C-alpha atoms as a PDB file:
ATOM      1  CA  MET A   1      -6.681 -25.555 -84.831  1.00  0.00           C
ATOM      2  CA  ARG A   2      -6.782 -28.426 -82.323  1.00  0.00           C
ATOM      3  CA  VAL A   3      -5.411 -31.899 -83.097  1.00  0.00           C
ATOM      4  CA  LEU A   4      -5.498 -35.237 -81.260  1.00  0.00           C
ATOM      5  CA  VAL A   5      -2.515 -37.531 -81.941  1.00  0.00           C
ATOM      6  CA  VAL A   6      -3.372 -41.168 -81.207  1.00  0.00           C
ATOM      7  CA  GLU A   7      -0.194 -43.239 -81.211  1.00  0.00           C
ATOM      8  CA  ASP A   8       0.924 -45.988 -78.808  1.00  0.00           C
ATOM      9  CA  GLU A   9       4.643 -45.341 -79.370  1.00  0.00           C
ATOM     10  CA  GLU A  10       5.066 -42.564 -76.801  1.00  0.00           C
ATOM     11  CA  ILE A  11       8.297 -41.104 -78.222  1.00  0.00           C
ATOM     12  CA  LEU A  12       6.791 -40.908 -81.742  1.00  0.00           C
ATOM     13  CA  ALA A  13       3.574 -39.379 -80.348  1.00  0.00           C
ATOM     14  CA  GLU A  14       5.535 -36.732 -78.465  1.00  0.00           C
ATOM     15  CA  THR A  15       7.695 -35.997 -81.505  1.00  0.00           C
ATOM     16  CA  ILE A  16       4.670 -35.514 -83.783  1.00  0.00           C
ATOM     17  CA  ALA A  17       2.984 -33.333 -81.139  1.00  0.00           C
ATOM     18  CA  ALA A  18       6.091 -31.180 -80.678  1.00  0.00           C
ATOM     19  CA  GLY A  19       6.390 -30.633 -84.391  1.00  0.00           C
ATOM     20  CA  LEU A  20       2.745 -29.683 -84.785  1.00  0.00           C
ATOM     21  CA  ARG A  21       2.998 -27.274 -81.860  1.00  0.00           C
ATOM     22  CA  GLU A  22       5.888 -25.566 -83.647  1.00  0.00           C
ATOM     23  CA  GLU A  23       3.290 -24.838 -86.362  1.00  0.00           C
ATOM     24  CA  ALA A  24       1.060 -23.030 -83.773  1.00  0.00           C
ATOM     25  CA  ILE A  25      -1.308 -26.030 -83.576  1.00  0.00           C
ATOM     26  CA  ALA A  26      -2.791 -27.093 -80.239  1.00  0.00           C
ATOM     27  CA  VAL A  27      -2.156 -30.843 -79.718  1.00  0.00           C
ATOM     28  CA  ASP A  28      -3.373 -33.456 -77.256  1.00  0.00           C
ATOM     29  CA  ILE A  29      -2.034 -37.029 -77.103  1.00  0.00           C
ATOM     30  CA  ALA A  30      -3.692 -40.393 -76.494  1.00  0.00           C
ATOM     31  CA  LEU A  31      -1.551 -43.531 -76.249  1.00  0.00           C
ATOM     32  CA  ASP A  32      -4.438 -45.989 -76.729  1.00  0.00           C
ATOM     33  CA  GLY A  33      -7.798 -46.202 -78.418  1.00  0.00           C
ATOM     34  CA  ALA A  34      -9.913 -46.017 -75.276  1.00  0.00           C
ATOM     35  CA  THR A  35      -8.250 -42.794 -74.180  1.00  0.00           C
ATOM     36  CA  ALA A  36      -8.683 -41.366 -77.676  1.00  0.00           C
ATOM     37  CA  LEU A  37     -12.449 -41.962 -77.643  1.00  0.00           C
ATOM     38  CA  GLU A  38     -12.715 -40.533 -74.147  1.00  0.00           C
ATOM     39  CA  ARG A  39     -10.904 -37.326 -75.071  1.00  0.00           C
ATOM     40  CA  ALA A  40     -12.860 -36.955 -78.328  1.00  0.00           C
ATOM     41  CA  SER A  41     -16.103 -37.202 -76.359  1.00  0.00           C
ATOM     42  CA  TYR A  42     -15.438 -33.955 -74.476  1.00  0.00           C
ATOM     43  CA  ASN A  43     -13.012 -32.050 -76.734  1.00  0.00           C
ATOM     44  CA  ASP A  44     -13.748 -30.693 -80.225  1.00  0.00           C
ATOM     45  CA  TYR A  45     -10.877 -31.706 -82.524  1.00  0.00           C
ATOM     46  CA  ASP A  46     -10.415 -30.464 -86.058  1.00  0.00           C
ATOM     47  CA  VAL A  47      -8.206 -33.458 -86.950  1.00  0.00           C
ATOM     48  CA  VAL A  48      -7.343 -36.787 -85.324  1.00  0.00           C
ATOM     49  CA  VAL A  49      -4.003 -38.302 -86.419  1.00  0.00           C
ATOM     50  CA  LEU A  50      -4.724 -41.982 -85.821  1.00  0.00           C
ATOM     51  CA  ASP A  51      -2.503 -45.067 -85.685  1.00  0.00           C
ATOM     52  CA  ARG A  52      -4.360 -48.280 -86.571  1.00  0.00           C
ATOM     53  CA  ASP A  53      -2.642 -50.883 -84.382  1.00  0.00           C
ATOM     54  CA  LEU A  54      -3.592 -49.564 -80.945  1.00  0.00           C
ATOM     55  CA  PRO A  55      -3.995 -51.197 -77.530  1.00  0.00           C
ATOM     56  CA  GLU A  56      -7.331 -51.182 -75.572  1.00  0.00           C
ATOM     57  CA  VAL A  57      -9.441 -50.264 -78.618  1.00  0.00           C
ATOM     58  CA  HIS A  58      -8.188 -50.927 -82.153  1.00  0.00           C
ATOM     59  CA  GLY A  59      -7.649 -47.897 -84.387  1.00  0.00           C
ATOM     60  CA  ASP A  60     -10.245 -49.168 -86.878  1.00  0.00           C
ATOM     61  CA  THR A  61     -12.888 -49.124 -84.142  1.00  0.00           C
ATOM     62  CA  VAL A  62     -11.808 -45.641 -83.049  1.00  0.00           C
ATOM     63  CA  CYS A  63     -12.180 -44.452 -86.606  1.00  0.00           C
ATOM     64  CA  GLU A  64     -15.650 -45.974 -86.976  1.00  0.00           C
ATOM     65  CA  GLU A  65     -16.879 -44.447 -83.687  1.00  0.00           C
ATOM     66  CA  LEU A  66     -15.516 -41.025 -84.510  1.00  0.00           C
ATOM     67  CA  VAL A  67     -17.192 -41.116 -87.903  1.00  0.00           C
ATOM     68  CA  ALA A  68     -20.464 -42.293 -86.309  1.00  0.00           C
ATOM     69  CA  ALA A  69     -20.414 -39.404 -83.879  1.00  0.00           C
ATOM     70  CA  GLY A  70     -20.884 -37.083 -86.843  1.00  0.00           C
ATOM     71  CA  ASN A  71     -19.133 -34.093 -85.330  1.00  0.00           C
ATOM     72  CA  GLY A  72     -17.102 -33.194 -88.410  1.00  0.00           C
ATOM     73  CA  THR A  73     -13.703 -34.250 -87.016  1.00  0.00           C
ATOM     74  CA  ARG A  74     -11.377 -35.218 -89.855  1.00  0.00           C
ATOM     75  CA  ILE A  75      -9.319 -38.437 -89.520  1.00  0.00           C
ATOM     76  CA  LEU A  76      -5.810 -38.935 -90.856  1.00  0.00           C
ATOM     77  CA  MET A  77      -4.600 -42.518 -90.461  1.00  0.00           C
ATOM     78  CA  LEU A  78      -0.871 -42.641 -89.924  1.00  0.00           C
ATOM     79  CA  THR A  79       0.316 -46.229 -89.737  1.00  0.00           C
ATOM     80  CA  ALA A  80       3.037 -48.687 -90.720  1.00  0.00           C
ATOM     81  CA  ALA A  81       0.345 -50.685 -92.617  1.00  0.00           C
ATOM     82  CA  GLY A  82       0.825 -48.656 -95.792  1.00  0.00           C
ATOM     83  CA  ASP A  83       0.139 -50.880 -98.792  1.00  0.00           C
ATOM     84  CA  VAL A  84      -2.723 -50.186-101.176  1.00  0.00           C
ATOM     85  CA  ASP A  85      -5.178 -52.715 -99.600  1.00  0.00           C
ATOM     86  CA  ASP A  86      -4.530 -51.179 -96.117  1.00  0.00           C
ATOM     87  CA  LYS A  87      -5.173 -47.679 -97.472  1.00  0.00           C
ATOM     88  CA  VAL A  88      -8.392 -48.786 -99.159  1.00  0.00           C
ATOM     89  CA  ASP A  89      -9.556 -50.473 -95.933  1.00  0.00           C
ATOM     90  CA  GLY A  90      -8.798 -47.362 -93.908  1.00  0.00           C
ATOM     91  CA  LEU A  91     -10.642 -45.072 -96.304  1.00  0.00           C
ATOM     92  CA  PHE A  92     -13.666 -47.397 -96.357  1.00  0.00           C
ATOM     93  CA  LEU A  93     -13.767 -47.168 -92.535  1.00  0.00           C
ATOM     94  CA  GLY A  94     -14.340 -43.446 -92.908  1.00  0.00           C
ATOM     95  CA  ALA A  95     -10.803 -42.004 -92.684  1.00  0.00           C
ATOM     96  CA  ASP A  96     -10.356 -38.770 -94.653  1.00  0.00           C
ATOM     97  CA  ASP A  97      -6.704 -39.362 -95.520  1.00  0.00           C
ATOM     98  CA  TYR A  98      -4.039 -42.041 -95.036  1.00  0.00           C
ATOM     99  CA  MET A  99      -0.266 -41.837 -94.663  1.00  0.00           C
ATOM    100  CA  GLY A 100       2.205 -44.674 -94.225  1.00  0.00           C
ATOM    101  CA  LYS A 101       5.209 -44.740 -91.917  1.00  0.00           C
ATOM    102  CA  PRO A 102       7.889 -43.550 -92.320  1.00  0.00           C
ATOM    103  CA  PHE A 103       6.685 -40.162 -93.447  1.00  0.00           C
ATOM    104  CA  ALA A 104       7.900 -36.674 -94.229  1.00  0.00           C
ATOM    105  CA  PHE A 105       6.875 -34.299 -91.500  1.00  0.00           C
ATOM    106  CA  ALA A 106       6.275 -31.378 -93.862  1.00  0.00           C
ATOM    107  CA  GLU A 107       3.777 -33.534 -95.742  1.00  0.00           C
ATOM    108  CA  LEU A 108       2.031 -34.462 -92.480  1.00  0.00           C
ATOM    109  CA  VAL A 109       1.630 -30.833 -91.540  1.00  0.00           C
ATOM    110  CA  ALA A 110       0.285 -29.977 -94.987  1.00  0.00           C
ATOM    111  CA  ARG A 111      -2.253 -32.816 -94.832  1.00  0.00           C
ATOM    112  CA  VAL A 112      -3.390 -31.858 -91.326  1.00  0.00           C
ATOM    113  CA  ARG A 113      -3.946 -28.255 -92.386  1.00  0.00           C
ATOM    114  CA  ALA A 114      -5.785 -29.357 -95.552  1.00  0.00           C
ATOM    115  CA  LEU A 115      -8.076 -31.620 -93.505  1.00  0.00           C
ATOM    116  CA  SER A 116      -8.708 -28.830 -91.004  1.00  0.00           C
ATOM    117  CA  ARG A 117      -9.926 -26.555 -93.831  1.00  0.00           C
ATOM    118  CA  ARG A 118     -12.452 -29.250 -94.784  1.00  0.00           C
ATOM    119  CA  SER A 119     -13.978 -29.219 -91.256  1.00  0.00           C
ATOM    120  CA  ALA A 120     -14.685 -25.465 -91.356  1.00  0.00           C
ATOM    121  CA  PRO A 121     -16.410 -23.066 -93.750  1.00  0.00           C
ATOM    122  CA  PRO A 122     -14.182 -22.317 -96.744  1.00  0.00           C
ATOM    123  CA  LEU A 123     -11.662 -19.583 -96.093  1.00  0.00           C
ATOM    124  CA  PRO A 124      -8.799 -18.205 -98.238  1.00  0.00           C
ATOM    125  CA  PRO A 125      -5.366 -19.668 -97.423  1.00  0.00           C
ATOM    126  CA  VAL A 126      -4.161 -16.192 -96.403  1.00  0.00           C
ATOM    127  CA  LEU A 127      -6.360 -14.420 -93.888  1.00  0.00           C
ATOM    128  CA  GLU A 128      -6.803 -10.640 -94.174  1.00  0.00           C
ATOM    129  CA  ARG A 129      -8.837  -8.179 -92.094  1.00  0.00           C
ATOM    130  CA  ARG A 130      -8.432  -4.587 -90.923  1.00  0.00           C
ATOM    131  CA  GLY A 131      -4.960  -4.298 -92.400  1.00  0.00           C
ATOM    132  CA  ILE A 132      -3.758  -7.589 -90.867  1.00  0.00           C
ATOM    133  CA  ARG A 133      -2.482 -10.273 -93.215  1.00  0.00           C
ATOM    134  CA  LEU A 134      -1.753 -13.713 -91.722  1.00  0.00           C
ATOM    135  CA  ASP A 135      -0.266 -16.574 -93.762  1.00  0.00           C
ATOM    136  CA  PRO A 136      -0.600 -19.894 -91.840  1.00  0.00           C
ATOM    137  CA  ARG A 137       1.647 -21.780 -94.231  1.00  0.00           C
ATOM    138  CA  ARG A 138       4.556 -19.350 -94.020  1.00  0.00           C
ATOM    139  CA  ARG A 139       3.835 -18.411 -90.388  1.00  0.00           C
ATOM    140  CA  THR A 140       3.994 -14.693 -91.192  1.00  0.00           C
ATOM    141  CA  VAL A 141       1.913 -11.729 -90.038  1.00  0.00           C
ATOM    142  CA  THR A 142       1.947  -8.151 -91.316  1.00  0.00           C
ATOM    143  CA  ARG A 143      -0.045  -5.069 -90.214  1.00  0.00           C
ATOM    144  CA  ASP A 144      -0.425  -2.515 -93.018  1.00  0.00           C
ATOM    145  CA  GLY A 145       2.638  -4.065 -94.680  1.00  0.00           C
ATOM    146  CA  ARG A 146       4.763  -3.999 -91.500  1.00  0.00           C
ATOM    147  CA  PRO A 147       6.090  -7.440 -90.292  1.00  0.00           C
ATOM    148  CA  VAL A 148       4.814  -8.459 -86.848  1.00  0.00           C
ATOM    149  CA  GLU A 149       6.773 -11.017 -84.878  1.00  0.00           C
ATOM    150  CA  LEU A 150       4.553 -13.262 -82.723  1.00  0.00           C
ATOM    151  CA  THR A 151       5.028 -16.289 -80.477  1.00  0.00           C
ATOM    152  CA  ARG A 152       3.346 -19.529 -81.495  1.00  0.00           C
ATOM    153  CA  LYS A 153       0.432 -18.953 -79.093  1.00  0.00           C
ATOM    154  CA  GLU A 154      -0.013 -15.313 -80.106  1.00  0.00           C
ATOM    155  CA  PHE A 155      -0.061 -16.482 -83.732  1.00  0.00           C
ATOM    156  CA  ALA A 156      -2.659 -19.139 -82.907  1.00  0.00           C
ATOM    157  CA  VAL A 157      -4.941 -16.666 -81.092  1.00  0.00           C
ATOM    158  CA  LEU A 158      -4.712 -14.155 -83.921  1.00  0.00           C
ATOM    159  CA  GLU A 159      -5.454 -16.859 -86.460  1.00  0.00           C
ATOM    160  CA  GLU A 160      -8.582 -17.884 -84.612  1.00  0.00           C
ATOM    161  CA  LEU A 161      -9.787 -14.291 -84.316  1.00  0.00           C
ATOM    162  CA  LEU A 162      -9.255 -13.786 -88.076  1.00  0.00           C
ATOM    163  CA  ARG A 163     -10.968 -17.068 -88.905  1.00  0.00           C
ATOM    164  CA  ALA A 164     -14.016 -15.894 -86.944  1.00  0.00           C
ATOM    165  CA  ASP A 165     -14.426 -13.234 -89.688  1.00  0.00           C
ATOM    166  CA  GLY A 166     -15.811 -10.570 -87.365  1.00  0.00           C
ATOM    167  CA  GLY A 167     -17.568 -12.967 -85.003  1.00  0.00           C
ATOM    168  CA  VAL A 168     -16.974 -12.851 -81.247  1.00  0.00           C
ATOM    169  CA  LEU A 169     -14.823 -15.555 -79.577  1.00  0.00           C
ATOM    170  CA  SER A 170     -14.978 -15.984 -75.806  1.00  0.00           C
ATOM    171  CA  SER A 171     -11.927 -16.687 -73.651  1.00  0.00           C
ATOM    172  CA  GLU A 172     -13.198 -20.260 -73.403  1.00  0.00           C
ATOM    173  CA  ASP A 173     -13.354 -20.502 -77.209  1.00  0.00           C
ATOM    174  CA  LEU A 174      -9.784 -19.281 -77.501  1.00  0.00           C
ATOM    175  CA  LEU A 175      -8.551 -21.618 -74.758  1.00  0.00           C
ATOM    176  CA  ASP A 176     -10.196 -24.537 -76.529  1.00  0.00           C
ATOM    177  CA  ARG A 177      -8.839 -23.629 -79.973  1.00  0.00           C
ATOM    178  CA  ALA A 178      -5.339 -22.394 -79.260  1.00  0.00           C
ATOM    179  CA  TRP A 179      -4.213 -24.369 -76.176  1.00  0.00           C
ATOM    180  CA  ASP A 180      -4.172 -28.055 -75.331  1.00  0.00           C
ATOM    181  CA  GLU A 181      -5.990 -29.769 -72.447  1.00  0.00           C
ATOM    182  CA  ASN A 182      -3.161 -29.183 -69.964  1.00  0.00           C
ATOM    183  CA  ILE A 183      -3.943 -25.474 -69.619  1.00  0.00           C
ATOM    184  CA  ASP A 184      -5.646 -24.255 -66.422  1.00  0.00           C
ATOM    185  CA  PRO A 185      -9.143 -23.153 -67.462  1.00  0.00           C
ATOM    186  CA  PHE A 186      -9.049 -20.429 -64.777  1.00  0.00           C
ATOM    187  CA  SER A 187      -5.770 -18.961 -66.016  1.00  0.00           C
ATOM    188  CA  ASN A 188      -5.615 -15.388 -67.326  1.00  0.00           C
ATOM    189  CA  ILE A 189      -3.419 -16.532 -70.177  1.00  0.00           C
ATOM    190  CA  VAL A 190      -5.935 -15.462 -72.843  1.00  0.00           C
ATOM    191  CA  ARG A 191      -6.151 -11.938 -71.453  1.00  0.00           C
ATOM    192  CA  VAL A 192      -2.349 -11.750 -71.403  1.00  0.00           C
ATOM    193  CA  ALA A 193      -2.088 -12.974 -74.997  1.00  0.00           C
ATOM    194  CA  ILE A 194      -4.701 -10.453 -76.150  1.00  0.00           C
ATOM    195  CA  ALA A 195      -2.902  -7.602 -74.422  1.00  0.00           C
ATOM    196  CA  THR A 196       0.422  -8.586 -76.002  1.00  0.00           C
ATOM    197  CA  LEU A 197      -1.201  -8.898 -79.461  1.00  0.00           C
ATOM    198  CA  ARG A 198      -2.682  -5.442 -79.121  1.00  0.00           C
ATOM    199  CA  LYS A 199       0.689  -4.016 -78.306  1.00  0.00           C
ATOM    200  CA  LYS A 200       2.479  -5.790 -81.184  1.00  0.00           C
ATOM    201  CA  LEU A 201      -0.232  -4.949 -83.757  1.00  0.00           C
ATOM    202  CA  ALA A 202       0.023  -1.269 -82.657  1.00  0.00           C
ATOM    203  CA  ASP A 203      -2.414   1.522 -83.404  1.00  0.00           C
ATOM    204  CA  PRO A 204      -5.125   1.916 -84.502  1.00  0.00           C
ATOM    205  CA  PRO A 205      -6.544  -0.838 -82.263  1.00  0.00           C
ATOM    206  CA  VAL A 206      -8.168  -3.737 -84.067  1.00  0.00           C
ATOM    207  CA  ILE A 207      -8.985  -6.261 -81.309  1.00  0.00           C
ATOM    208  CA  GLU A 208     -12.225  -5.236 -79.661  1.00  0.00           C
ATOM    209  CA  THR A 209     -13.341  -6.438 -76.241  1.00  0.00           C
ATOM    210  CA  VAL A 210     -17.104  -7.238 -76.268  1.00  0.00           C
ATOM    211  CA  THR A 211     -18.183  -6.910 -72.635  1.00  0.00           C
ATOM    212  CA  GLY A 212     -19.433 -10.186 -71.223  1.00  0.00           C
ATOM    213  CA  ALA A 213     -18.854 -12.010 -74.490  1.00  0.00           C
ATOM    214  CA  GLY A 214     -15.204 -12.036 -75.620  1.00  0.00           C
ATOM    215  CA  TYR A 215     -13.060 -10.601 -78.383  1.00  0.00           C
ATOM    216  CA  ARG A 216     -13.333  -9.867 -82.108  1.00  0.00           C
ATOM    217  CA  ILE A 217     -11.481  -8.210 -84.987  1.00  0.00           C
END
């Protein structure tokens, strides 16, 4: 999952991003509306967490333009303007959900994950394939009933491979889905993560390399 946090209070933006990354979610940050629209034009985001009162371009305009783009990105407005009329206005602009500040972080994570599920084909909340069972909510993985301890990025890569449901994901796909925009696109970090996953998941091998195409389970 990849999320864009659009929030002009930098400390709050970094705090939200850090918390989401702890949940194995790739996160980019924009501190104003213009930057948000620029990043959304060349990155595919599952969810945009959007403040309304933004510099450069107002959050309402950002919301309208994201909706008009029609790319399936879900929008969660997260703002201090939290009375009923504000919520109604935000939802009429095209936002998929609305939370007022202050907020409970566990609820934010739950809402982000719920919105992400809406932007993709329906999948069960617990992913299972080839003896692997991954629970995104509890952040647990087992292989044939045996617990498997993974880092956040390893967990994110495995989740994307399972969500592909047998489809092939290229290294570029995995970079885009499991890492944020600060990663070097020429890095071998995907190959390293795949190698470590194979070792931790143990035999028989379940992650297949498709020559010239990528990886699949």
